[in-house]
Amino acid sequence: MAPKRRAASGVKAGGKKVKEEPEESQPKDAFTSAKEALLAAGPQVKSSRKVDEHCSVAASGEVYEDYDCMLNQTNIGQNNNKFYVIQVIKSGNTYYTWNRWGRVGEVGQSKLNEFDTPENAVKDFEKKFKDKTQNKWSDRMNFVSHTVSMTDIIKDVDEGVDSVDGNIGKVNKNVLPCTLDKATKNLIELVFSNDMFKEAMECMNLDIKKMPLGKLSKLQIAKGFEVLEEIEAALNQRGKIARLQELSSKFFTTIPHNFGRSRPPIIDNKEIVEKKKEMLMVLADIELAQTLKSETEKAQEEMVETVPHPLDQDYNSLKCKLTLLDRKTETFKIIEKYLTATSNSYYKPKIVNVWEVDRETERERFGENDVLENRRLLWHGTNIAVVAAILKSGLRIMPHSGGRVGRGLYFASENSKSACYVRPSKNTGVMFLNEVALGKEYTITKDDSSLTKAPAGYDSVVARGCMEPDPAKDIFITLEGKKVAVPQGSPVQQPQFVKSNFSNSEYLIYKESQCCIRYLLELNMQY
């Protein structure tokens, strides 16, 4: 390969050289970062395995050693989307192999084989595993997937805590009362709720029976990321249909989906790829929340007599201070007016509670942008399943943000715009209000999905909409010595942007440090 040419030095009029700025390394997006982090984390080793609930000896038996696997295979061409469970079970002095198989989403058929010694049961297990996967059980850590065979779904194993309602499973200790106020207690319970996570997964057609909560595997999610990268590369190849069908089958084998009796679809365009990327990011964030919960359990097990309430432990694991706002305060009234003025007749969110947010180290990082003026309090809507991860890790540049205004963090001055991205649970949704250091804005009125940073000399990009909250009614609040604009008026037409491709303005930053989460709103979403 020929060596790359050096970029020519910039020259001012008159022949003087302009001082060259060092080339910036391309920042990793959240998709790449998440994949690498998941791969680096490796498998989690946990304490126990559960006998398949459909087995007749589930109540009296236990999984023998680690002989337990969930296999999956999707073949779009043959309309296959099937699973196979194999376990060795010990019940008293008797050993069994348990096999259950069928189409994803159904109970399927099953068979229980009895053996007098564990060696014979293990031999039967290993033979079945080899028959179904073309891999040896003893070499499963180097598992090789074959198109015509089933794939082992790597899962983590259950621990002691069953839920976030105060039950601490196998830990039999004196649990201290919860110290959180009622509203904050309910919020923490919601953002760590297993039922909420299940609901989010079902909405994405994921088969929660193959990836039950507490068993989300970092490695399995990372494998899904890698298959999507293969699909993305194949989109530009000639004769791609057969290849995309093969890779789509591989993706649904890796990340089991429940399509009922319908044929699994082919992932054949960029839009579907981006949606699946977003889905995996949600899965990764759910896995993070589950990891935080497991850390809570471990901390409780190590304590001698008394342990903090599980919700206190979950709250502390976020390393984020949440201060409930009194509804009578001026700040609450400003936020309420902002929401009311900029929501619309379709999304009718009503405030349940508002918290001031203080994420550990975020304000220090935000301080790097002290020189930037032009600060606004802007909306950001999200899936409730990722709220715990956002409180823990902050807002990140997501893969699906490579949209109309490129790859960055998206904010809106109208609540109705951000409400489109809220994914509630039982009508309860969460939105964030963020102080965004916009600095010098670069204005666009047409889509530009190629943007990965603000143009030279600018700090942010604003896709100006035909409508904008009445600028004449903006007010300013002071946050840590900085004036921050807060819209208070209803949207009005912007004559200078009447031909814009955007109905509502979208505010983009391409550095995560230019955002500081200031408030979390719990909303009743009335569609």
Protein backbone atom coordinates (compact mmCIF):
# COMPACT_ATOMS: atom_id res chain seq x y z
CA MET A 1 0.00 0.00 0.00
CA ALA A 2 1.35 3.41 -0.93
CA PRO A 3 2.22 5.67 2.01
CA LYS A 4 -0.33 8.34 2.90
CA ARG A 5 0.49 11.85 1.76
CA ARG A 6 1.09 14.48 4.37
CA ALA A 7 -1.52 17.19 4.52
CA ALA A 8 -0.28 20.43 3.05
CA SER A 9 0.51 23.13 5.60
CA GLY A 10 -2.03 25.92 5.83
CA VAL A 11 -0.82 29.22 4.37
CA LYS A 12 -2.13 32.69 5.09
CA ALA A 13 -2.36 35.40 2.46
CA GLY A 14 1.16 36.76 2.09
CA GLY A 15 2.78 33.35 2.33
CA LYS A 16 2.98 32.94 6.13
CA LYS A 17 2.38 29.48 7.46
CA VAL A 18 -0.49 28.88 9.82
CA LYS A 19 0.36 26.90 12.92
CA GLU A 20 -0.96 23.39 12.40
CA GLU A 21 -3.19 21.89 15.05
CA PRO A 22 -2.43 18.30 16.01
CA GLU A 23 -4.78 15.85 14.37
CA GLU A 24 -7.46 14.71 16.78
CA SER A 25 -7.87 11.00 17.29
CA GLN A 26 -11.34 9.87 16.31
CA PRO A 27 -13.34 9.28 19.50
CA LYS A 28 -14.93 5.89 19.88
CA ASP A 29 -18.69 5.88 19.74
CA ALA A 30 -20.73 4.17 22.44
CA PHE A 31 -21.33 1.14 20.18
CA THR A 32 -17.61 0.40 19.80
CA SER A 33 -16.83 1.28 23.42
CA ALA A 34 -19.61 -0.94 24.74
CA LYS A 35 -18.54 -3.88 22.57
CA GLU A 36 -14.93 -3.62 23.71
CA ALA A 37 -15.94 -3.26 27.36
CA LEU A 38 -18.21 -6.30 27.17
CA LEU A 39 -15.49 -8.40 25.55
CA ALA A 40 -12.91 -7.27 28.11
CA ALA A 41 -15.23 -8.11 31.00
CA GLY A 42 -15.48 -11.75 29.98
CA PRO A 43 -17.91 -14.26 31.46
CA GLN A 44 -19.26 -13.80 34.94
CA VAL A 45 -18.96 -16.71 37.31
CA LYS A 46 -21.84 -16.86 39.73
CA SER A 47 -23.08 -19.12 42.44
CA SER A 48 -25.86 -21.41 41.25
CA ARG A 49 -27.73 -22.78 38.26
CA LYS A 50 -31.45 -23.44 38.09
CA VAL A 51 -33.09 -26.60 36.85
CA ASP A 52 -35.34 -25.84 33.87
CA GLU A 53 -38.76 -24.95 35.28
CA HIS A 54 -40.51 -27.37 32.91
CA CYS A 55 -38.60 -30.39 34.23
CA SER A 56 -40.61 -32.78 36.44
CA VAL A 57 -37.77 -32.98 39.02
CA ALA A 58 -37.18 -29.21 39.16
CA ALA A 59 -38.46 -28.95 42.74
CA SER A 60 -36.24 -31.70 44.16
CA GLY A 61 -33.26 -31.59 41.81
CA GLU A 62 -30.23 -29.41 41.20
CA VAL A 63 -27.97 -28.91 38.21
CA TYR A 64 -24.98 -31.22 38.51
CA GLU A 65 -21.76 -29.19 38.41
CA ASP A 66 -21.89 -26.93 35.31
CA TYR A 67 -23.64 -29.28 32.90
CA ASP A 68 -26.27 -26.84 31.70
CA CYS A 69 -26.66 -25.22 28.30
CA MET A 70 -29.16 -23.35 26.16
CA LEU A 71 -28.73 -23.83 22.41
CA ASN A 72 -30.33 -21.75 19.70
CA GLN A 73 -30.56 -21.78 15.90
CA THR A 74 -32.22 -19.43 13.44
CA ASN A 75 -32.29 -20.24 9.72
CA ILE A 76 -34.38 -17.69 7.85
CA GLY A 77 -34.36 -19.64 4.58
CA GLN A 78 -35.96 -22.68 6.24
CA ASN A 79 -38.06 -20.60 8.68
CA ASN A 80 -36.27 -22.21 11.63
CA ASN A 81 -36.10 -20.41 14.97
CA LYS A 82 -35.54 -23.14 17.52
CA PHE A 83 -33.97 -23.85 20.90
CA TYR A 84 -32.59 -26.89 22.73
CA VAL A 85 -32.04 -27.15 26.50
CA ILE A 86 -29.68 -29.82 27.91
CA GLN A 87 -28.99 -30.32 31.62
CA VAL A 88 -27.57 -32.94 33.97
CA ILE A 89 -29.70 -33.02 37.12
CA LYS A 90 -29.02 -34.67 40.47
CA SER A 91 -32.02 -35.57 42.62
CA GLY A 92 -31.17 -37.59 45.71
CA ASN A 93 -28.96 -40.45 44.54
CA THR A 94 -30.35 -40.41 41.01
CA TYR A 95 -28.94 -38.59 37.99
CA TYR A 96 -30.82 -37.44 34.91
CA THR A 97 -30.26 -35.74 31.60
CA TRP A 98 -33.02 -33.32 30.70
CA ASN A 99 -33.68 -32.33 27.09
CA ARG A 100 -36.28 -29.80 25.96
CA TRP A 101 -36.60 -28.44 22.44
CA GLY A 102 -38.96 -26.51 20.19
CA ARG A 103 -39.62 -23.17 18.49
CA VAL A 104 -38.52 -20.03 20.32
CA GLY A 105 -41.38 -18.69 22.42
CA GLU A 106 -43.03 -22.11 22.92
CA VAL A 107 -42.59 -24.76 25.64
CA GLY A 108 -41.82 -27.44 23.06
CA GLN A 109 -41.19 -31.14 23.65
CA SER A 110 -39.04 -32.76 26.33
CA LYS A 111 -37.40 -35.97 27.50
CA LEU A 112 -35.98 -37.02 30.90
CA ASN A 113 -33.39 -39.83 30.94
CA GLU A 114 -32.45 -41.56 34.22
CA PHE A 115 -28.94 -42.84 35.07
CA ASP A 116 -27.42 -44.64 38.04
CA THR A 117 -24.09 -42.77 37.96
CA PRO A 118 -23.10 -39.16 37.23
CA GLU A 119 -20.51 -40.37 34.70
CA ASN A 120 -23.18 -41.95 32.50
CA ALA A 121 -25.40 -38.86 32.70
CA VAL A 122 -22.47 -36.61 31.77
CA LYS A 123 -21.56 -38.89 28.86
CA ASP A 124 -25.13 -38.61 27.52
CA PHE A 125 -25.08 -34.81 27.98
CA GLU A 126 -21.77 -34.40 26.14
CA LYS A 127 -22.93 -36.63 23.27
CA LYS A 128 -26.10 -34.59 22.79
CA PHE A 129 -24.12 -31.33 22.95
CA LYS A 130 -21.72 -32.61 20.27
CA ASP A 131 -24.58 -33.85 18.07
CA LYS A 132 -26.34 -30.48 18.17
CA THR A 133 -23.37 -28.10 17.91
CA GLN A 134 -20.45 -30.03 16.33
CA ASN A 135 -18.39 -28.84 19.31
CA LYS A 136 -17.01 -30.78 22.28
CA TRP A 137 -18.31 -29.72 25.68
CA SER A 138 -14.76 -29.77 27.05
CA ASP A 139 -13.75 -27.22 24.40
CA ARG A 140 -16.81 -24.96 24.71
CA MET A 141 -14.76 -21.88 25.66
CA ASN A 142 -13.41 -22.04 22.10
CA PHE A 143 -16.88 -22.63 20.64
CA VAL A 144 -17.10 -22.45 16.84
CA SER A 145 -20.53 -21.77 15.34
CA HIS A 146 -21.58 -23.78 12.29
CA THR A 147 -24.35 -22.65 9.95
CA VAL A 148 -26.15 -26.00 10.00
CA SER A 149 -25.81 -26.53 13.75
CA MET A 150 -27.03 -24.93 16.95
CA THR A 151 -25.13 -22.28 18.91
CA ASP A 152 -24.47 -22.24 22.65
CA ILE A 153 -26.03 -19.17 24.28
CA ILE A 154 -23.58 -17.97 26.92
CA LYS A 155 -25.52 -17.06 30.02
CA ASP A 156 -24.65 -15.87 33.48
CA VAL A 157 -26.02 -17.79 36.42
CA ASP A 158 -28.56 -16.70 39.02
CA GLU A 159 -27.54 -15.29 42.35
CA GLY A 160 -29.46 -14.83 45.57
CA VAL A 161 -31.58 -11.71 45.07
CA ASP A 162 -34.85 -12.14 43.22
CA SER A 163 -36.12 -8.58 43.00
CA VAL A 164 -35.75 -5.02 44.21
CA ASP A 165 -38.71 -5.08 46.55
CA GLY A 166 -36.65 -5.69 49.66
CA ASN A 167 -36.41 -9.48 49.41
CA ILE A 168 -32.78 -10.52 49.68
CA GLY A 169 -33.12 -14.16 48.70
CA LYS A 170 -30.69 -16.45 50.46
CA VAL A 171 -29.26 -13.72 52.68
CA ASN A 172 -30.83 -14.17 56.11
CA LYS A 173 -29.77 -11.05 58.01
CA ASN A 174 -31.17 -8.03 59.77
CA VAL A 175 -32.07 -5.55 57.03
CA LEU A 176 -32.07 -1.90 58.04
CA PRO A 177 -35.05 0.30 57.08
CA CYS A 178 -34.77 2.17 53.79
CA THR A 179 -33.43 5.70 54.31
CA LEU A 180 -34.75 7.10 51.01
CA ASP A 181 -37.78 9.35 50.85
CA LYS A 182 -40.86 7.65 49.40
CA ALA A 183 -40.62 9.23 45.92
CA THR A 184 -36.92 8.41 45.52
CA LYS A 185 -37.49 4.90 46.87
CA ASN A 186 -40.18 4.34 44.23
CA LEU A 187 -37.92 5.73 41.49
CA ILE A 188 -35.00 3.44 42.40
CA GLU A 189 -37.36 0.48 42.60
CA LEU A 190 -38.65 1.34 39.11
CA VAL A 191 -35.29 1.82 37.36
CA PHE A 192 -33.98 -1.48 38.77
CA SER A 193 -37.27 -3.38 38.32
CA ASN A 194 -37.01 -6.81 36.73
CA ASP A 195 -40.58 -6.49 35.44
CA MET A 196 -39.68 -3.22 33.72
CA PHE A 197 -36.59 -4.80 32.13
CA LYS A 198 -38.69 -7.74 30.93
CA GLU A 199 -41.25 -5.38 29.44
CA ALA A 200 -38.50 -3.48 27.59
CA MET A 201 -37.04 -6.71 26.21
CA GLU A 202 -40.42 -8.02 25.08
CA CYS A 203 -41.07 -4.74 23.24
CA MET A 204 -37.90 -5.47 21.23
CA ASN A 205 -39.13 -9.03 20.40
CA LEU A 206 -36.31 -10.49 22.49
CA ASP A 207 -36.94 -13.93 23.92
CA ILE A 208 -36.57 -13.38 27.66
CA LYS A 209 -36.72 -17.15 28.22
CA LYS A 210 -33.35 -17.45 26.49
CA MET A 211 -31.94 -14.36 28.18
CA PRO A 212 -33.80 -14.16 31.49
CA LEU A 213 -32.86 -11.28 33.74
CA GLY A 214 -29.82 -12.01 35.83
CA LYS A 215 -28.51 -14.18 32.98
CA LEU A 216 -27.65 -11.51 30.44
CA SER A 217 -24.15 -12.42 29.33
CA LYS A 218 -21.62 -9.74 28.46
CA LEU A 219 -19.96 -12.05 25.95
CA GLN A 220 -23.26 -12.95 24.28
CA ILE A 221 -24.18 -9.28 23.82
CA ALA A 222 -20.68 -8.56 22.50
CA LYS A 223 -21.09 -11.36 19.95
CA GLY A 224 -24.30 -9.69 18.79
CA PHE A 225 -22.35 -6.44 18.27
CA GLU A 226 -19.81 -8.29 16.12
CA VAL A 227 -22.48 -9.87 13.90
CA LEU A 228 -24.04 -6.44 13.30
CA GLU A 229 -20.65 -5.17 12.17
CA GLU A 230 -20.52 -8.05 9.66
CA ILE A 231 -24.02 -7.16 8.43
CA GLU A 232 -23.05 -3.50 8.08
CA ALA A 233 -20.07 -4.45 5.92
CA ALA A 234 -22.20 -6.81 3.80
CA LEU A 235 -24.74 -4.08 2.97
CA ASN A 236 -22.29 -2.63 0.44
CA GLN A 237 -21.36 -5.94 -1.20
CA ARG A 238 -22.60 -7.22 -4.55
CA GLY A 239 -24.90 -10.23 -4.45
CA LYS A 240 -25.59 -9.36 -0.85
CA ILE A 241 -29.04 -10.94 -0.35
CA ALA A 242 -27.79 -14.48 0.33
CA ARG A 243 -25.04 -13.15 2.59
CA LEU A 244 -27.45 -10.90 4.51
CA GLN A 245 -29.85 -13.81 5.01
CA GLU A 246 -27.00 -15.92 6.40
CA LEU A 247 -25.79 -13.14 8.71
CA SER A 248 -29.32 -12.25 9.85
CA SER A 249 -29.81 -15.89 10.81
CA LYS A 250 -26.52 -15.72 12.69
CA PHE A 251 -27.62 -12.56 14.54
CA PHE A 252 -30.97 -14.02 15.63
CA THR A 253 -29.17 -17.21 16.67
CA THR A 254 -26.80 -15.15 18.81
CA ILE A 255 -29.45 -12.81 20.24
CA PRO A 256 -32.63 -14.94 20.44
CA HIS A 257 -35.81 -13.21 19.26
CA ASN A 258 -39.37 -14.43 19.58
CA PHE A 259 -41.13 -14.18 16.21
CA GLY A 260 -43.83 -16.71 17.02
CA ARG A 261 -44.54 -18.78 13.91
CA SER A 262 -43.58 -15.94 11.56
CA ARG A 263 -40.45 -16.18 9.44
CA PRO A 264 -37.59 -14.17 10.97
CA PRO A 265 -36.90 -11.06 8.85
CA ILE A 266 -33.71 -10.31 6.94
CA ILE A 267 -31.71 -7.37 8.28
CA ASP A 268 -31.19 -5.76 4.89
CA ASN A 269 -30.90 -2.01 5.38
CA LYS A 270 -29.06 0.56 7.45
CA GLU A 271 -32.17 1.61 9.38
CA ILE A 272 -32.75 -1.91 10.76
CA VAL A 273 -29.05 -2.22 11.63
CA GLU A 274 -29.23 1.04 13.61
CA LYS A 275 -32.34 -0.17 15.46
CA LYS A 276 -30.58 -3.41 16.37
CA LYS A 277 -27.54 -1.45 17.53
CA GLU A 278 -29.81 0.59 19.77
CA MET A 279 -31.39 -2.62 21.04
CA LEU A 280 -27.98 -4.04 21.98
CA MET A 281 -27.07 -0.80 23.73
CA VAL A 282 -30.26 -1.12 25.77
CA LEU A 283 -29.33 -4.73 26.54
CA ALA A 284 -25.85 -3.62 27.60
CA ASP A 285 -27.38 -0.96 29.87
CA ILE A 286 -29.76 -3.52 31.38
CA GLU A 287 -26.75 -5.76 31.97
CA LEU A 288 -25.02 -2.85 33.73
CA ALA A 289 -28.04 -2.36 36.01
CA GLN A 290 -28.05 -6.09 36.75
CA THR A 291 -24.33 -5.95 37.56
CA LEU A 292 -24.96 -3.08 39.99
CA LYS A 293 -27.62 -5.21 41.67
CA SER A 294 -25.28 -8.19 41.93
CA GLU A 295 -22.69 -5.94 43.59
CA THR A 296 -25.38 -4.98 46.11
CA GLU A 297 -26.03 -8.66 46.85
CA LYS A 298 -22.34 -9.42 47.26
CA ALA A 299 -21.87 -6.50 49.65
CA GLN A 300 -24.80 -7.75 51.73
CA GLU A 301 -23.40 -11.28 51.89
CA GLU A 302 -20.08 -9.97 53.21
CA MET A 303 -21.73 -8.04 56.03
CA VAL A 304 -21.94 -9.77 59.38
CA GLU A 305 -25.22 -8.96 61.11
CA THR A 306 -27.05 -5.94 59.73
CA VAL A 307 -27.19 -4.82 56.11
CA PRO A 308 -28.52 -1.66 54.45
CA HIS A 309 -31.85 -1.92 52.68
CA PRO A 310 -31.41 -3.24 49.09
CA LEU A 311 -32.84 -0.01 47.65
CA ASP A 312 -30.28 2.03 49.60
CA GLN A 313 -27.59 -0.23 48.16
CA ASP A 314 -28.97 0.16 44.62
CA TYR A 315 -29.11 3.94 45.07
CA ASN A 316 -25.54 4.10 46.38
CA SER A 317 -24.29 1.94 43.49
CA LEU A 318 -25.29 4.72 41.07
CA LYS A 319 -22.84 7.17 42.68
CA CYS A 320 -25.34 9.88 41.89
CA LYS A 321 -27.06 12.21 44.35
CA LEU A 322 -30.78 12.71 43.69
CA THR A 323 -32.47 15.55 45.58
CA LEU A 324 -36.26 15.65 45.38
CA LEU A 325 -37.54 19.13 44.50
CA ASP A 326 -40.34 20.68 46.52
CA ARG A 327 -43.23 21.53 44.19
CA LYS A 328 -43.47 24.97 45.81
CA THR A 329 -39.95 26.02 44.80
CA GLU A 330 -39.32 28.49 42.00
CA THR A 331 -37.16 25.93 40.16
CA PHE A 332 -40.00 23.40 40.10
CA LYS A 333 -42.42 26.01 38.76
CA ILE A 334 -39.98 27.02 36.00
CA ILE A 335 -39.55 23.39 34.93
CA GLU A 336 -43.30 22.78 35.03
CA LYS A 337 -43.96 25.85 32.86
CA TYR A 338 -41.22 24.77 30.42
CA LEU A 339 -42.87 21.35 30.04
CA THR A 340 -46.41 22.70 29.73
CA ALA A 341 -45.47 25.37 27.19
CA THR A 342 -43.53 23.02 24.88
CA SER A 343 -45.57 19.80 25.01
CA ASN A 344 -48.32 19.08 22.47
CA SER A 345 -51.78 17.54 22.28
CA TYR A 346 -50.50 14.03 21.45
CA TYR A 347 -47.91 13.66 24.19
CA LYS A 348 -49.48 14.91 27.39
CA PRO A 349 -46.82 14.32 30.04
CA LYS A 350 -47.66 15.31 33.58
CA ILE A 351 -44.97 15.76 36.20
CA VAL A 352 -45.04 13.22 39.01
CA ASN A 353 -41.71 14.21 40.59
CA VAL A 354 -38.55 16.16 39.77
CA TRP A 355 -35.08 15.49 41.18
CA GLU A 356 -31.95 17.60 41.03
CA VAL A 357 -29.16 15.36 39.73
CA ASP A 358 -25.53 15.47 40.84
CA ARG A 359 -23.53 12.72 39.16
CA GLU A 360 -20.14 11.93 40.69
CA THR A 361 -17.33 13.65 38.71
CA GLU A 362 -19.70 14.97 35.99
CA ARG A 363 -19.63 18.58 37.17
CA GLU A 364 -15.85 18.46 37.34
CA ARG A 365 -15.73 17.24 33.74
CA PHE A 366 -18.30 19.84 32.70
CA GLY A 367 -16.00 22.49 34.18
CA GLU A 368 -13.63 21.89 31.27
CA ASN A 369 -16.07 23.99 29.23
CA ASP A 370 -16.16 27.03 31.53
CA VAL A 371 -15.03 29.27 28.68
CA LEU A 372 -18.13 28.41 26.66
CA GLU A 373 -21.08 30.75 27.04
CA ASN A 374 -24.51 30.37 25.41
CA ARG A 375 -25.89 27.73 27.76
CA ARG A 376 -29.40 26.32 27.56
CA LEU A 377 -31.50 23.91 29.60
CA LEU A 378 -32.61 21.32 27.05
CA TRP A 379 -34.69 18.13 26.97
CA HIS A 380 -33.50 14.57 26.40
CA GLY A 381 -35.96 11.65 26.31
CA THR A 382 -34.96 8.01 26.71
CA ASN A 383 -36.01 4.42 27.32
CA ILE A 384 -36.78 3.87 30.99
CA ALA A 385 -34.74 0.64 30.84
CA VAL A 386 -31.52 2.66 30.46
CA VAL A 387 -32.12 5.26 33.18
CA ALA A 388 -30.00 3.45 35.79
CA ALA A 389 -27.13 3.22 33.29
CA ILE A 390 -27.43 6.94 32.44
CA LEU A 391 -27.39 7.93 36.11
CA LYS A 392 -24.32 5.75 36.56
CA SER A 393 -22.40 6.59 33.37
CA GLY A 394 -23.96 9.79 32.00
CA LEU A 395 -25.36 10.56 28.57
CA ARG A 396 -23.22 8.96 25.91
CA ILE A 397 -22.92 9.39 22.17
CA MET A 398 -25.09 6.53 20.98
CA PRO A 399 -24.80 4.63 17.69
CA HIS A 400 -28.34 5.54 16.61
CA SER A 401 -27.46 9.21 17.01
CA GLY A 402 -25.72 8.90 13.65
CA GLY A 403 -28.95 10.28 12.22
CA ARG A 404 -30.10 13.48 10.59
CA VAL A 405 -27.43 15.64 12.22
CA GLY A 406 -24.66 13.07 12.50
CA ARG A 407 -23.17 11.23 15.45
CA GLY A 408 -23.58 13.29 18.59
CA LEU A 409 -25.76 13.92 21.62
CA TYR A 410 -29.21 15.18 20.64
CA PHE A 411 -31.26 17.65 22.69
CA ALA A 412 -34.43 19.63 22.07
CA SER A 413 -35.94 22.91 23.24
CA GLU A 414 -39.44 21.43 22.87
CA ASN A 415 -40.63 18.73 25.23
CA SER A 416 -42.83 17.28 22.47
CA LYS A 417 -39.74 16.52 20.37
CA SER A 418 -37.90 14.63 23.12
CA ALA A 419 -41.10 12.89 24.22
CA CYS A 420 -40.95 10.92 20.95
CA TYR A 421 -37.95 9.05 22.36
CA VAL A 422 -39.43 8.22 25.75
CA ARG A 423 -40.17 4.52 26.22
CA PRO A 424 -42.33 4.31 29.35
CA SER A 425 -43.23 1.41 31.62
CA LYS A 426 -46.90 1.28 32.56
CA ASN A 427 -47.30 4.93 31.47
CA THR A 428 -44.38 6.09 33.64
CA GLY A 429 -41.60 7.71 31.64
CA VAL A 430 -38.38 9.55 32.45
CA MET A 431 -36.87 12.62 30.82
CA PHE A 432 -33.74 14.59 31.62
CA LEU A 433 -33.20 18.35 31.61
CA ASN A 434 -29.58 19.12 30.83
CA GLU A 435 -27.40 22.19 30.93
CA VAL A 436 -25.76 22.19 27.50
CA ALA A 437 -22.77 24.44 26.83
CA LEU A 438 -23.51 25.33 23.21
CA GLY A 439 -20.88 28.03 22.75
CA LYS A 440 -20.78 29.22 19.15
CA GLU A 441 -23.60 27.58 17.21
CA TYR A 442 -23.37 26.38 13.61
CA THR A 443 -26.83 26.56 12.02
CA ILE A 444 -28.14 24.09 9.44
CA THR A 445 -31.57 23.69 7.86
CA LYS A 446 -30.90 20.51 5.88
CA ASP A 447 -29.91 17.03 7.00
CA ASP A 448 -26.20 16.32 7.35
CA SER A 449 -25.65 12.80 8.68
CA SER A 450 -21.90 13.01 8.05
CA LEU A 451 -21.24 15.28 11.05
CA THR A 452 -19.07 13.82 13.80
CA LYS A 453 -17.97 17.14 15.28
CA ALA A 454 -18.88 20.80 15.04
CA PRO A 455 -17.26 22.59 12.07
CA ALA A 456 -13.99 24.40 12.73
CA GLY A 457 -14.55 27.52 14.80
CA TYR A 458 -17.86 26.27 16.24
CA ASP A 459 -18.80 24.38 19.40
CA SER A 460 -22.21 22.95 18.51
CA VAL A 461 -24.64 22.42 15.65
CA VAL A 462 -28.27 23.53 15.72
CA ALA A 463 -30.69 22.15 13.15
CA ARG A 464 -33.12 25.07 13.15
CA GLY A 465 -36.77 24.12 12.98
CA CYS A 466 -39.72 25.99 11.54
CA MET A 467 -40.96 26.28 15.12
CA GLU A 468 -39.13 27.30 18.29
CA PRO A 469 -40.27 28.26 21.81
CA ASP A 470 -40.85 32.03 21.73
CA PRO A 471 -37.33 33.45 22.34
CA ALA A 472 -38.84 36.63 23.80
CA LYS A 473 -40.13 34.63 26.76
CA ASP A 474 -36.85 32.88 27.62
CA ILE A 475 -35.67 33.44 31.18
CA PHE A 476 -32.25 32.89 32.73
CA ILE A 477 -31.36 30.90 35.82
CA THR A 478 -27.94 30.75 37.44
CA LEU A 479 -26.27 27.36 37.85
CA GLU A 480 -22.85 27.33 39.51
CA GLY A 481 -22.25 30.93 38.53
CA LYS A 482 -23.30 30.53 34.88
CA LYS A 483 -26.39 32.04 33.24
CA VAL A 484 -28.51 29.34 31.60
CA ALA A 485 -31.41 30.12 29.26
CA VAL A 486 -34.70 28.32 29.91
CA PRO A 487 -37.58 28.56 27.39
CA GLN A 488 -40.93 29.49 28.93
CA GLY A 489 -42.98 30.36 25.86
CA SER A 490 -44.99 28.19 23.50
CA PRO A 491 -43.47 27.36 20.09
CA VAL A 492 -43.92 30.06 17.45
CA GLN A 493 -43.11 30.08 13.76
CA GLN A 494 -39.63 31.17 12.73
CA PRO A 495 -40.02 33.04 9.41
CA GLN A 496 -36.29 32.90 8.65
CA PHE A 497 -36.39 29.08 8.85
CA VAL A 498 -39.75 28.44 7.21
CA LYS A 499 -38.07 26.32 4.50
CA SER A 500 -36.08 24.24 6.97
CA ASN A 501 -36.24 20.44 6.69
CA PHE A 502 -36.75 20.35 10.46
CA SER A 503 -40.08 20.99 12.14
CA ASN A 504 -38.51 21.35 15.60
CA SER A 505 -35.01 22.51 16.42
CA GLU A 506 -32.43 19.89 17.37
CA TYR A 507 -29.33 20.85 19.35
CA LEU A 508 -26.19 18.77 18.81
CA ILE A 509 -22.95 18.53 20.73
CA TYR A 510 -20.21 16.11 19.77
CA LYS A 511 -18.33 16.09 23.08
CA GLU A 512 -20.02 14.41 26.03
CA SER A 513 -18.29 16.85 28.40
CA GLN A 514 -20.44 19.74 27.07
CA CYS A 515 -23.49 18.32 28.84
CA CYS A 516 -24.34 18.20 32.54
CA ILE A 517 -27.52 16.42 33.65
CA ARG A 518 -29.31 18.83 35.98
CA TYR A 519 -32.78 17.38 36.53
CA LEU A 520 -34.60 14.06 36.20
CA LEU A 521 -38.36 14.17 35.62
CA GLU A 522 -40.67 11.27 36.41
CA LEU A 523 -43.66 11.70 34.11
CA ASN A 524 -47.08 10.23 33.64
CA MET A 525 -47.19 9.74 29.86
CA GLN A 526 -50.78 10.00 28.61
CA TYR A 527 -50.88 9.08 24.94
